[in-house]
All heavy atoms as atom14 arrays in JSON, in Angstrom:
{
  "sequence": "DVIADGVVSAVKEVGLTVPLVVRLEGTNVDEGKRIITESGLNVIAADN",
  "atom14_mask": [
    [1, 1, 1, 1, 1, 1, 1, 1, 0, 0, 0, 0, 0, 0],
    [1, 1, 1, 1, 1, 1, 1, 0, 0, 0, 0, 0, 0, 0],
    [1, 1, 1, 1, 1, 1, 1, 1, 0, 0, 0, 0, 0, 0],
    [1, 1, 1, 1, 1, 0, 0, 0, 0, 0, 0, 0, 0, 0],
    [1, 1, 1, 1, 1, 1, 1, 1, 0, 0, 0, 0, 0, 0],
    [1, 1, 1, 1, 0, 0, 0, 0, 0, 0, 0, 0, 0, 0],
    [1, 1, 1, 1, 1, 1, 1, 0, 0, 0, 0, 0, 0, 0],
    [1, 1, 1, 1, 1, 1, 1, 0, 0, 0, 0, 0, 0, 0],
    [1, 1, 1, 1, 1, 1, 0, 0, 0, 0, 0, 0, 0, 0],
    [1, 1, 1, 1, 1, 0, 0, 0, 0, 0, 0, 0, 0, 0],
    [1, 1, 1, 1, 1, 1, 1, 0, 0, 0, 0, 0, 0, 0],
    [1, 1, 1, 1, 1, 1, 1, 1, 1, 0, 0, 0, 0, 0],
    [1, 1, 1, 1, 1, 1, 1, 1, 1, 0, 0, 0, 0, 0],
    [1, 1, 1, 1, 1, 1, 1, 0, 0, 0, 0, 0, 0, 0],
    [1, 1, 1, 1, 0, 0, 0, 0, 0, 0, 0, 0, 0, 0],
    [1, 1, 1, 1, 1, 1, 1, 1, 0, 0, 0, 0, 0, 0],
    [1, 1, 1, 1, 1, 1, 1, 0, 0, 0, 0, 0, 0, 0],
    [1, 1, 1, 1, 1, 1, 1, 0, 0, 0, 0, 0, 0, 0],
    [1, 1, 1, 1, 1, 1, 1, 0, 0, 0, 0, 0, 0, 0],
    [1, 1, 1, 1, 1, 1, 1, 1, 0, 0, 0, 0, 0, 0],
    [1, 1, 1, 1, 1, 1, 1, 0, 0, 0, 0, 0, 0, 0],
    [1, 1, 1, 1, 1, 1, 1, 0, 0, 0, 0, 0, 0, 0],
    [1, 1, 1, 1, 1, 1, 1, 1, 1, 1, 1, 0, 0, 0],
    [1, 1, 1, 1, 1, 1, 1, 1, 0, 0, 0, 0, 0, 0],
    [1, 1, 1, 1, 1, 1, 1, 1, 1, 0, 0, 0, 0, 0],
    [1, 1, 1, 1, 0, 0, 0, 0, 0, 0, 0, 0, 0, 0],
    [1, 1, 1, 1, 1, 1, 1, 0, 0, 0, 0, 0, 0, 0],
    [1, 1, 1, 1, 1, 1, 1, 1, 0, 0, 0, 0, 0, 0],
    [1, 1, 1, 1, 1, 1, 1, 0, 0, 0, 0, 0, 0, 0],
    [1, 1, 1, 1, 1, 1, 1, 1, 0, 0, 0, 0, 0, 0],
    [1, 1, 1, 1, 1, 1, 1, 1, 1, 0, 0, 0, 0, 0],
    [1, 1, 1, 1, 0, 0, 0, 0, 0, 0, 0, 0, 0, 0],
    [1, 1, 1, 1, 1, 1, 1, 1, 1, 0, 0, 0, 0, 0],
    [1, 1, 1, 1, 1, 1, 1, 1, 1, 1, 1, 0, 0, 0],
    [1, 1, 1, 1, 1, 1, 1, 1, 0, 0, 0, 0, 0, 0],
    [1, 1, 1, 1, 1, 1, 1, 1, 0, 0, 0, 0, 0, 0],
    [1, 1, 1, 1, 1, 1, 1, 0, 0, 0, 0, 0, 0, 0],
    [1, 1, 1, 1, 1, 1, 1, 1, 1, 0, 0, 0, 0, 0],
    [1, 1, 1, 1, 1, 1, 0, 0, 0, 0, 0, 0, 0, 0],
    [1, 1, 1, 1, 0, 0, 0, 0, 0, 0, 0, 0, 0, 0],
    [1, 1, 1, 1, 1, 1, 1, 1, 0, 0, 0, 0, 0, 0],
    [1, 1, 1, 1, 1, 1, 1, 1, 0, 0, 0, 0, 0, 0],
    [1, 1, 1, 1, 1, 1, 1, 0, 0, 0, 0, 0, 0, 0],
    [1, 1, 1, 1, 1, 1, 1, 1, 0, 0, 0, 0, 0, 0],
    [1, 1, 1, 1, 1, 0, 0, 0, 0, 0, 0, 0, 0, 0],
    [1, 1, 1, 1, 1, 0, 0, 0, 0, 0, 0, 0, 0, 0],
    [1, 1, 1, 1, 1, 1, 1, 1, 0, 0, 0, 0, 0, 0],
    [1, 1, 1, 1, 1, 1, 1, 1, 0, 0, 0, 0, 0, 0]
  ],
  "atom14_positions": [
    [[38.9, 60.85, -9.29], [40.12, 61.69, -9.15], [41.38, 60.84, -9.2], [42.43, 61.31, -9.7], [40.05, 62.51, -7.86], [39.91, 61.64, -6.62], [39.11, 60.69, -6.66], [40.58, 61.94, -5.61], [0.0, 0.0, 0.0], [0.0, 0.0, 0.0], [0.0, 0.0, 0.0], [0.0, 0.0, 0.0], [0.0, 0.0, 0.0], [0.0, 0.0, 0.0]],
    [[41.3, 59.61, -8.72], [42.47, 58.71, -8.78], [42.76, 58.36, -10.23], [43.94, 58.34, -10.67], [42.23, 57.44, -7.97], [43.36, 56.43, -8.19], [42.08, 57.76, -6.49], [0.0, 0.0, 0.0], [0.0, 0.0, 0.0], [0.0, 0.0, 0.0], [0.0, 0.0, 0.0], [0.0, 0.0, 0.0], [0.0, 0.0, 0.0], [0.0, 0.0, 0.0]],
    [[41.73, 58.06, -11.03], [41.9, 57.79, -12.44], [42.5, 58.99, -13.13], [43.46, 58.85, -13.92], [40.56, 57.43, -13.08], [40.03, 56.09, -12.54], [40.69, 57.38, -14.61], [40.83, 54.88, -12.99], [0.0, 0.0, 0.0], [0.0, 0.0, 0.0], [0.0, 0.0, 0.0], [0.0, 0.0, 0.0], [0.0, 0.0, 0.0], [0.0, 0.0, 0.0]],
    [[41.96, 60.18, -12.86], [42.47, 61.38, -13.51], [43.94, 61.62, -13.16], [44.74, 61.97, -14.06], [41.61, 62.58, -13.06], [0.0, 0.0, 0.0], [0.0, 0.0, 0.0], [0.0, 0.0, 0.0], [0.0, 0.0, 0.0], [0.0, 0.0, 0.0], [0.0, 0.0, 0.0], [0.0, 0.0, 0.0], [0.0, 0.0, 0.0], [0.0, 0.0, 0.0]],
    [[44.31, 61.46, -11.9], [45.71, 61.62, -11.49], [46.61, 60.67, -12.25], [47.7, 61.02, -12.69], [45.84, 61.38, -9.99], [45.58, 62.65, -9.16], [45.79, 63.75, -9.72], [45.2, 62.52, -8.0], [0.0, 0.0, 0.0], [0.0, 0.0, 0.0], [0.0, 0.0, 0.0], [0.0, 0.0, 0.0], [0.0, 0.0, 0.0], [0.0, 0.0, 0.0]],
    [[46.17, 59.4, -12.36], [46.96, 58.4, -13.05], [47.15, 58.71, -14.52], [48.23, 58.56, -15.09], [0.0, 0.0, 0.0], [0.0, 0.0, 0.0], [0.0, 0.0, 0.0], [0.0, 0.0, 0.0], [0.0, 0.0, 0.0], [0.0, 0.0, 0.0], [0.0, 0.0, 0.0], [0.0, 0.0, 0.0], [0.0, 0.0, 0.0], [0.0, 0.0, 0.0]],
    [[46.05, 59.12, -15.18], [46.13, 59.46, -16.62], [47.06, 60.62, -16.85], [47.92, 60.59, -17.74], [44.73, 59.78, -17.17], [44.81, 60.33, -18.59], [43.85, 58.52, -17.16], [0.0, 0.0, 0.0], [0.0, 0.0, 0.0], [0.0, 0.0, 0.0], [0.0, 0.0, 0.0], [0.0, 0.0, 0.0], [0.0, 0.0, 0.0], [0.0, 0.0, 0.0]],
    [[46.92, 61.66, -16.04], [47.8, 62.84, -16.2], [49.26, 62.48, -15.96], [50.16, 62.88, -16.71], [47.36, 63.97, -15.23], [48.38, 65.11, -15.21], [46.0, 64.49, -15.61], [0.0, 0.0, 0.0], [0.0, 0.0, 0.0], [0.0, 0.0, 0.0], [0.0, 0.0, 0.0], [0.0, 0.0, 0.0], [0.0, 0.0, 0.0], [0.0, 0.0, 0.0]],
    [[49.52, 61.69, -14.94], [50.86, 61.27, -14.62], [51.48, 60.47, -15.76], [52.64, 60.65, -16.14], [50.87, 60.44, -13.33], [52.16, 59.93, -13.06], [0.0, 0.0, 0.0], [0.0, 0.0, 0.0], [0.0, 0.0, 0.0], [0.0, 0.0, 0.0], [0.0, 0.0, 0.0], [0.0, 0.0, 0.0], [0.0, 0.0, 0.0], [0.0, 0.0, 0.0]],
    [[50.68, 59.54, -16.33], [51.18, 58.7, -17.4], [51.47, 59.51, -18.65], [52.49, 59.29, -19.34], [50.16, 57.58, -17.69], [0.0, 0.0, 0.0], [0.0, 0.0, 0.0], [0.0, 0.0, 0.0], [0.0, 0.0, 0.0], [0.0, 0.0, 0.0], [0.0, 0.0, 0.0], [0.0, 0.0, 0.0], [0.0, 0.0, 0.0], [0.0, 0.0, 0.0]],
    [[50.56, 60.42, -19.01], [50.77, 61.23, -20.19], [52.01, 62.09, -20.08], [52.78, 62.23, -21.02], [49.5, 62.11, -20.46], [49.81, 63.1, -21.58], [48.33, 61.23, -20.85], [0.0, 0.0, 0.0], [0.0, 0.0, 0.0], [0.0, 0.0, 0.0], [0.0, 0.0, 0.0], [0.0, 0.0, 0.0], [0.0, 0.0, 0.0], [0.0, 0.0, 0.0]],
    [[52.23, 62.65, -18.9], [53.42, 63.46, -18.7], [54.69, 62.64, -18.8], [55.76, 63.13, -19.18], [53.35, 64.17, -17.34], [52.31, 65.29, -17.29], [52.29, 65.95, -15.93], [51.29, 67.12, -15.93], [51.22, 67.78, -14.57], [0.0, 0.0, 0.0], [0.0, 0.0, 0.0], [0.0, 0.0, 0.0], [0.0, 0.0, 0.0], [0.0, 0.0, 0.0]],
    [[54.6, 61.37, -18.46], [55.76, 60.46, -18.45], [56.07, 59.9, -19.84], [57.22, 59.87, -20.26], [55.56, 59.31, -17.48], [56.78, 58.43, -17.31], [56.61, 57.39, -16.22], [55.73, 57.58, -15.33], [57.35, 56.39, -16.24], [0.0, 0.0, 0.0], [0.0, 0.0, 0.0], [0.0, 0.0, 0.0], [0.0, 0.0, 0.0], [0.0, 0.0, 0.0]],
    [[55.02, 59.51, -20.56], [55.26, 58.85, -21.88], [54.81, 59.68, -23.02], [55.11, 59.33, -24.19], [54.54, 57.47, -21.91], [55.01, 56.57, -20.79], [53.03, 57.65, -21.87], [0.0, 0.0, 0.0], [0.0, 0.0, 0.0], [0.0, 0.0, 0.0], [0.0, 0.0, 0.0], [0.0, 0.0, 0.0], [0.0, 0.0, 0.0], [0.0, 0.0, 0.0]],
    [[54.15, 60.8, -22.79], [53.66, 61.62, -23.88], [52.36, 61.11, -24.45], [51.91, 59.99, -24.15], [0.0, 0.0, 0.0], [0.0, 0.0, 0.0], [0.0, 0.0, 0.0], [0.0, 0.0, 0.0], [0.0, 0.0, 0.0], [0.0, 0.0, 0.0], [0.0, 0.0, 0.0], [0.0, 0.0, 0.0], [0.0, 0.0, 0.0], [0.0, 0.0, 0.0]],
    [[51.72, 61.92, -25.29], [50.43, 61.54, -25.88], [50.47, 61.91, -27.36], [50.52, 63.08, -27.69], [49.27, 62.24, -25.17], [47.88, 61.87, -25.65], [47.6, 60.42, -25.4], [46.83, 62.75, -24.99], [0.0, 0.0, 0.0], [0.0, 0.0, 0.0], [0.0, 0.0, 0.0], [0.0, 0.0, 0.0], [0.0, 0.0, 0.0], [0.0, 0.0, 0.0]],
    [[50.44, 60.9, -28.21], [50.52, 61.16, -29.65], [49.25, 60.74, -30.39], [49.18, 60.82, -31.6], [51.72, 60.37, -30.26], [51.55, 58.95, -29.97], [53.03, 60.85, -29.65], [0.0, 0.0, 0.0], [0.0, 0.0, 0.0], [0.0, 0.0, 0.0], [0.0, 0.0, 0.0], [0.0, 0.0, 0.0], [0.0, 0.0, 0.0], [0.0, 0.0, 0.0]],
    [[48.24, 60.26, -29.62], [46.99, 59.83, -30.23], [45.84, 60.5, -29.51], [45.98, 61.0, -28.37], [46.81, 58.29, -30.13], [47.92, 57.58, -30.91], [46.79, 57.84, -28.7], [0.0, 0.0, 0.0], [0.0, 0.0, 0.0], [0.0, 0.0, 0.0], [0.0, 0.0, 0.0], [0.0, 0.0, 0.0], [0.0, 0.0, 0.0], [0.0, 0.0, 0.0]],
    [[44.66, 60.56, -30.16], [43.5, 61.19, -29.5], [43.12, 60.47, -28.22], [43.2, 59.25, -28.13], [42.41, 61.06, -30.56], [43.09, 60.88, -31.85], [44.36, 60.14, -31.53], [0.0, 0.0, 0.0], [0.0, 0.0, 0.0], [0.0, 0.0, 0.0], [0.0, 0.0, 0.0], [0.0, 0.0, 0.0], [0.0, 0.0, 0.0], [0.0, 0.0, 0.0]],
    [[42.71, 61.25, -27.23], [42.31, 60.68, -25.94], [40.94, 61.23, -25.57], [40.76, 62.45, -25.45], [43.32, 61.06, -24.85], [42.94, 60.72, -23.4], [42.78, 59.24, -23.2], [43.99, 61.3, -22.42], [0.0, 0.0, 0.0], [0.0, 0.0, 0.0], [0.0, 0.0, 0.0], [0.0, 0.0, 0.0], [0.0, 0.0, 0.0], [0.0, 0.0, 0.0]],
    [[39.96, 60.33, -25.38], [38.61, 60.7, -24.95], [38.44, 60.16, -23.53], [38.72, 58.99, -23.26], [37.56, 60.11, -25.9], [36.13, 60.41, -25.35], [37.68, 60.7, -27.29], [0.0, 0.0, 0.0], [0.0, 0.0, 0.0], [0.0, 0.0, 0.0], [0.0, 0.0, 0.0], [0.0, 0.0, 0.0], [0.0, 0.0, 0.0], [0.0, 0.0, 0.0]],
    [[37.95, 61.03, -22.65], [37.76, 60.65, -21.25], [36.27, 60.87, -20.86], [35.74, 61.98, -21.01], [38.68, 61.45, -20.31], [38.41, 61.06, -18.85], [40.13, 61.19, -20.66], [0.0, 0.0, 0.0], [0.0, 0.0, 0.0], [0.0, 0.0, 0.0], [0.0, 0.0, 0.0], [0.0, 0.0, 0.0], [0.0, 0.0, 0.0], [0.0, 0.0, 0.0]],
    [[35.67, 59.82, -20.37], [34.34, 59.9, -19.8], [34.43, 59.5, -18.33], [34.79, 58.4, -17.99], [33.39, 58.97, -20.54], [31.95, 59.04, -20.01], [31.62, 57.8, -19.18], [30.25, 57.83, -18.69], [29.58, 56.73, -18.32], [30.17, 55.55, -18.29], [28.36, 56.83, -17.86], [0.0, 0.0, 0.0], [0.0, 0.0, 0.0], [0.0, 0.0, 0.0]],
    [[34.1, 60.46, -17.43], [34.11, 60.19, -16.01], [32.72, 60.39, -15.43], [32.03, 61.37, -15.79], [35.08, 61.14, -15.31], [36.56, 61.07, -15.67], [37.37, 62.14, -14.96], [37.12, 59.7, -15.33], [0.0, 0.0, 0.0], [0.0, 0.0, 0.0], [0.0, 0.0, 0.0], [0.0, 0.0, 0.0], [0.0, 0.0, 0.0], [0.0, 0.0, 0.0]],
    [[32.34, 59.51, -14.54], [31.04, 59.64, -13.86], [31.15, 58.89, -12.53], [31.8, 57.89, -12.42], [29.94, 59.04, -14.71], [28.53, 59.43, -14.25], [28.33, 60.95, -14.3], [28.27, 61.5, -15.41], [28.26, 61.54, -13.21], [0.0, 0.0, 0.0], [0.0, 0.0, 0.0], [0.0, 0.0, 0.0], [0.0, 0.0, 0.0], [0.0, 0.0, 0.0]],
    [[30.49, 59.43, -11.49], [30.47, 58.77, -10.23], [31.24, 59.47, -9.12], [31.3, 60.71, -9.08], [0.0, 0.0, 0.0], [0.0, 0.0, 0.0], [0.0, 0.0, 0.0], [0.0, 0.0, 0.0], [0.0, 0.0, 0.0], [0.0, 0.0, 0.0], [0.0, 0.0, 0.0], [0.0, 0.0, 0.0], [0.0, 0.0, 0.0], [0.0, 0.0, 0.0]],
    [[31.86, 58.71, -8.24], [32.51, 59.21, -7.06], [33.63, 60.19, -7.39], [34.52, 59.86, -8.21], [33.07, 58.05, -6.2], [32.05, 57.14, -5.94], [33.67, 58.58, -4.91], [0.0, 0.0, 0.0], [0.0, 0.0, 0.0], [0.0, 0.0, 0.0], [0.0, 0.0, 0.0], [0.0, 0.0, 0.0], [0.0, 0.0, 0.0], [0.0, 0.0, 0.0]],
    [[33.58, 61.39, -6.81], [34.59, 62.42, -7.01], [34.74, 62.83, -8.47], [35.82, 63.18, -8.93], [35.95, 62.0, -6.46], [36.01, 61.98, -4.95], [35.0, 62.21, -4.27], [37.16, 61.7, -4.4], [0.0, 0.0, 0.0], [0.0, 0.0, 0.0], [0.0, 0.0, 0.0], [0.0, 0.0, 0.0], [0.0, 0.0, 0.0], [0.0, 0.0, 0.0]],
    [[33.61, 62.81, -9.22], [33.66, 63.1, -10.65], [34.1, 64.55, -10.91], [34.89, 64.83, -11.81], [32.32, 62.78, -11.33], [31.21, 63.63, -10.75], [32.46, 62.97, -12.84], [0.0, 0.0, 0.0], [0.0, 0.0, 0.0], [0.0, 0.0, 0.0], [0.0, 0.0, 0.0], [0.0, 0.0, 0.0], [0.0, 0.0, 0.0], [0.0, 0.0, 0.0]],
    [[33.61, 65.49, -10.1], [33.96, 66.89, -10.32], [35.46, 67.13, -10.1], [36.09, 67.86, -10.89], [33.14, 67.8, -9.37], [31.66, 67.78, -9.72], [31.35, 67.53, -10.89], [30.84, 68.05, -8.82], [0.0, 0.0, 0.0], [0.0, 0.0, 0.0], [0.0, 0.0, 0.0], [0.0, 0.0, 0.0], [0.0, 0.0, 0.0], [0.0, 0.0, 0.0]],
    [[36.01, 66.48, -9.09], [37.43, 66.62, -8.83], [38.23, 65.98, -9.97], [39.27, 66.54, -10.42], [37.8, 65.94, -7.51], [39.28, 65.96, -7.15], [39.8, 67.37, -6.89], [39.02, 68.31, -6.83], [41.07, 67.49, -6.77], [0.0, 0.0, 0.0], [0.0, 0.0, 0.0], [0.0, 0.0, 0.0], [0.0, 0.0, 0.0], [0.0, 0.0, 0.0]],
    [[37.76, 64.87, -10.46], [38.46, 64.2, -11.57], [38.44, 65.06, -12.82], [39.48, 65.19, -13.51], [0.0, 0.0, 0.0], [0.0, 0.0, 0.0], [0.0, 0.0, 0.0], [0.0, 0.0, 0.0], [0.0, 0.0, 0.0], [0.0, 0.0, 0.0], [0.0, 0.0, 0.0], [0.0, 0.0, 0.0], [0.0, 0.0, 0.0], [0.0, 0.0, 0.0]],
    [[37.3, 65.66, -13.15], [37.21, 66.52, -14.34], [38.1, 67.74, -14.16], [38.71, 68.22, -15.14], [35.74, 66.91, -14.56], [34.87, 65.76, -15.06], [33.45, 66.21, -15.31], [32.6, 65.03, -15.86], [31.2, 65.45, -16.1], [0.0, 0.0, 0.0], [0.0, 0.0, 0.0], [0.0, 0.0, 0.0], [0.0, 0.0, 0.0], [0.0, 0.0, 0.0]],
    [[38.15, 68.28, -12.93], [39.02, 69.45, -12.68], [40.48, 69.14, -12.95], [41.2, 69.91, -13.57], [38.83, 69.94, -11.24], [39.59, 71.2, -10.92], [39.61, 71.48, -9.44], [40.35, 70.44, -8.7], [41.69, 70.35, -8.65], [42.45, 71.22, -9.3], [42.26, 69.39, -7.96], [0.0, 0.0, 0.0], [0.0, 0.0, 0.0], [0.0, 0.0, 0.0]],
    [[40.91, 67.97, -12.47], [42.31, 67.55, -12.68], [42.61, 67.43, -14.15], [43.68, 67.91, -14.62], [42.56, 66.22, -11.93], [42.47, 66.41, -10.43], [43.92, 65.63, -12.34], [42.5, 65.1, -9.65], [0.0, 0.0, 0.0], [0.0, 0.0, 0.0], [0.0, 0.0, 0.0], [0.0, 0.0, 0.0], [0.0, 0.0, 0.0], [0.0, 0.0, 0.0]],
    [[41.72, 66.83, -14.9], [41.94, 66.67, -16.34], [41.97, 68.04, -17.02], [42.86, 68.34, -17.85], [40.82, 65.8, -16.99], [40.91, 64.35, -16.47], [40.91, 65.86, -18.49], [42.09, 63.57, -16.95], [0.0, 0.0, 0.0], [0.0, 0.0, 0.0], [0.0, 0.0, 0.0], [0.0, 0.0, 0.0], [0.0, 0.0, 0.0], [0.0, 0.0, 0.0]],
    [[41.01, 68.91, -16.68], [40.89, 70.24, -17.3], [42.14, 71.09, -17.04], [42.66, 71.73, -17.93], [39.65, 70.97, -16.81], [38.5, 70.14, -17.11], [39.51, 72.31, -17.49], [0.0, 0.0, 0.0], [0.0, 0.0, 0.0], [0.0, 0.0, 0.0], [0.0, 0.0, 0.0], [0.0, 0.0, 0.0], [0.0, 0.0, 0.0], [0.0, 0.0, 0.0]],
    [[42.59, 71.1, -15.8], [43.72, 71.95, -15.4], [45.06, 71.37, -15.78], [46.11, 72.02, -15.62], [43.66, 72.2, -13.88], [42.44, 72.98, -13.44], [42.4, 73.24, -11.95], [43.34, 72.77, -11.25], [41.43, 73.89, -11.48], [0.0, 0.0, 0.0], [0.0, 0.0, 0.0], [0.0, 0.0, 0.0], [0.0, 0.0, 0.0], [0.0, 0.0, 0.0]],
    [[45.08, 70.15, -16.31], [46.35, 69.51, -16.68], [46.93, 70.1, -17.96], [48.13, 69.94, -18.21], [46.16, 68.01, -16.86], [45.35, 67.74, -18.01], [0.0, 0.0, 0.0], [0.0, 0.0, 0.0], [0.0, 0.0, 0.0], [0.0, 0.0, 0.0], [0.0, 0.0, 0.0], [0.0, 0.0, 0.0], [0.0, 0.0, 0.0], [0.0, 0.0, 0.0]],
    [[46.08, 70.72, -18.74], [46.55, 71.25, -20.02], [46.67, 70.23, -21.12], [47.14, 70.5, -22.21], [0.0, 0.0, 0.0], [0.0, 0.0, 0.0], [0.0, 0.0, 0.0], [0.0, 0.0, 0.0], [0.0, 0.0, 0.0], [0.0, 0.0, 0.0], [0.0, 0.0, 0.0], [0.0, 0.0, 0.0], [0.0, 0.0, 0.0], [0.0, 0.0, 0.0]],
    [[46.23, 68.98, -20.83], [46.3, 67.92, -21.83], [45.25, 68.16, -22.94], [44.18, 68.75, -22.69], [46.05, 66.55, -21.17], [47.02, 66.13, -20.08], [46.58, 64.77, -19.53], [48.42, 66.05, -20.62], [0.0, 0.0, 0.0], [0.0, 0.0, 0.0], [0.0, 0.0, 0.0], [0.0, 0.0, 0.0], [0.0, 0.0, 0.0], [0.0, 0.0, 0.0]],
    [[45.56, 67.65, -24.11], [44.62, 67.74, -25.22], [43.65, 66.56, -25.11], [43.81, 65.53, -25.78], [45.38, 67.69, -26.55], [44.43, 67.86, -27.73], [43.34, 68.37, -27.59], [44.89, 67.43, -28.89], [0.0, 0.0, 0.0], [0.0, 0.0, 0.0], [0.0, 0.0, 0.0], [0.0, 0.0, 0.0], [0.0, 0.0, 0.0], [0.0, 0.0, 0.0]],
    [[42.66, 66.73, -24.25], [41.71, 65.65, -23.94], [40.33, 66.03, -24.47], [39.88, 67.17, -24.31], [41.62, 65.37, -22.43], [40.57, 64.35, -22.13], [42.98, 64.91, -21.94], [0.0, 0.0, 0.0], [0.0, 0.0, 0.0], [0.0, 0.0, 0.0], [0.0, 0.0, 0.0], [0.0, 0.0, 0.0], [0.0, 0.0, 0.0], [0.0, 0.0, 0.0]],
    [[39.66, 65.07, -25.09], [38.26, 65.24, -25.54], [37.34, 64.74, -24.47], [37.39, 63.56, -24.09], [38.03, 64.52, -26.86], [39.03, 64.96, -27.93], [36.57, 64.72, -27.33], [38.96, 64.1, -29.2], [0.0, 0.0, 0.0], [0.0, 0.0, 0.0], [0.0, 0.0, 0.0], [0.0, 0.0, 0.0], [0.0, 0.0, 0.0], [0.0, 0.0, 0.0]],
    [[36.5, 65.6, -23.91], [35.57, 65.19, -22.84], [34.33, 64.57, -23.45], [33.85, 64.98, -24.52], [35.21, 66.41, -21.99], [0.0, 0.0, 0.0], [0.0, 0.0, 0.0], [0.0, 0.0, 0.0], [0.0, 0.0, 0.0], [0.0, 0.0, 0.0], [0.0, 0.0, 0.0], [0.0, 0.0, 0.0], [0.0, 0.0, 0.0], [0.0, 0.0, 0.0]],
    [[33.82, 63.56, -22.75], [32.58, 62.88, -23.19], [31.58, 62.89, -22.05], [31.95, 62.75, -20.87], [32.88, 61.45, -23.62], [0.0, 0.0, 0.0], [0.0, 0.0, 0.0], [0.0, 0.0, 0.0], [0.0, 0.0, 0.0], [0.0, 0.0, 0.0], [0.0, 0.0, 0.0], [0.0, 0.0, 0.0], [0.0, 0.0, 0.0], [0.0, 0.0, 0.0]],
    [[30.3, 63.0, -22.41], [29.24, 63.09, -21.41], [28.74, 61.71, -20.96], [28.31, 61.53, -19.84], [28.07, 63.88, -21.92], [28.46, 65.34, -22.23], [29.29, 65.88, -21.47], [27.96, 65.89, -23.22], [0.0, 0.0, 0.0], [0.0, 0.0, 0.0], [0.0, 0.0, 0.0], [0.0, 0.0, 0.0], [0.0, 0.0, 0.0], [0.0, 0.0, 0.0]],
    [[28.78, 60.73, -21.87], [28.31, 59.38, -21.55], [29.03, 58.37, -22.43], [29.88, 58.75, -23.28], [26.8, 59.29, -21.71], [26.34, 59.8, -23.07], [26.79, 59.33, -24.1], [25.38, 60.75, -23.06], [0.0, 0.0, 0.0], [0.0, 0.0, 0.0], [0.0, 0.0, 0.0], [0.0, 0.0, 0.0], [0.0, 0.0, 0.0], [0.0, 0.0, 0.0]]
  ]
}
């Protein structure tokens, strides 16, 4: 969730002009995925 918060914050600050793939696994993974999903960012999710 900390990683997800940081990524969302950075994208909102500097913008995103290139493809972004995020793979999250481990501690608080569900919360992290929720933050990414609800951010509205154009993110490609990866399973592994």
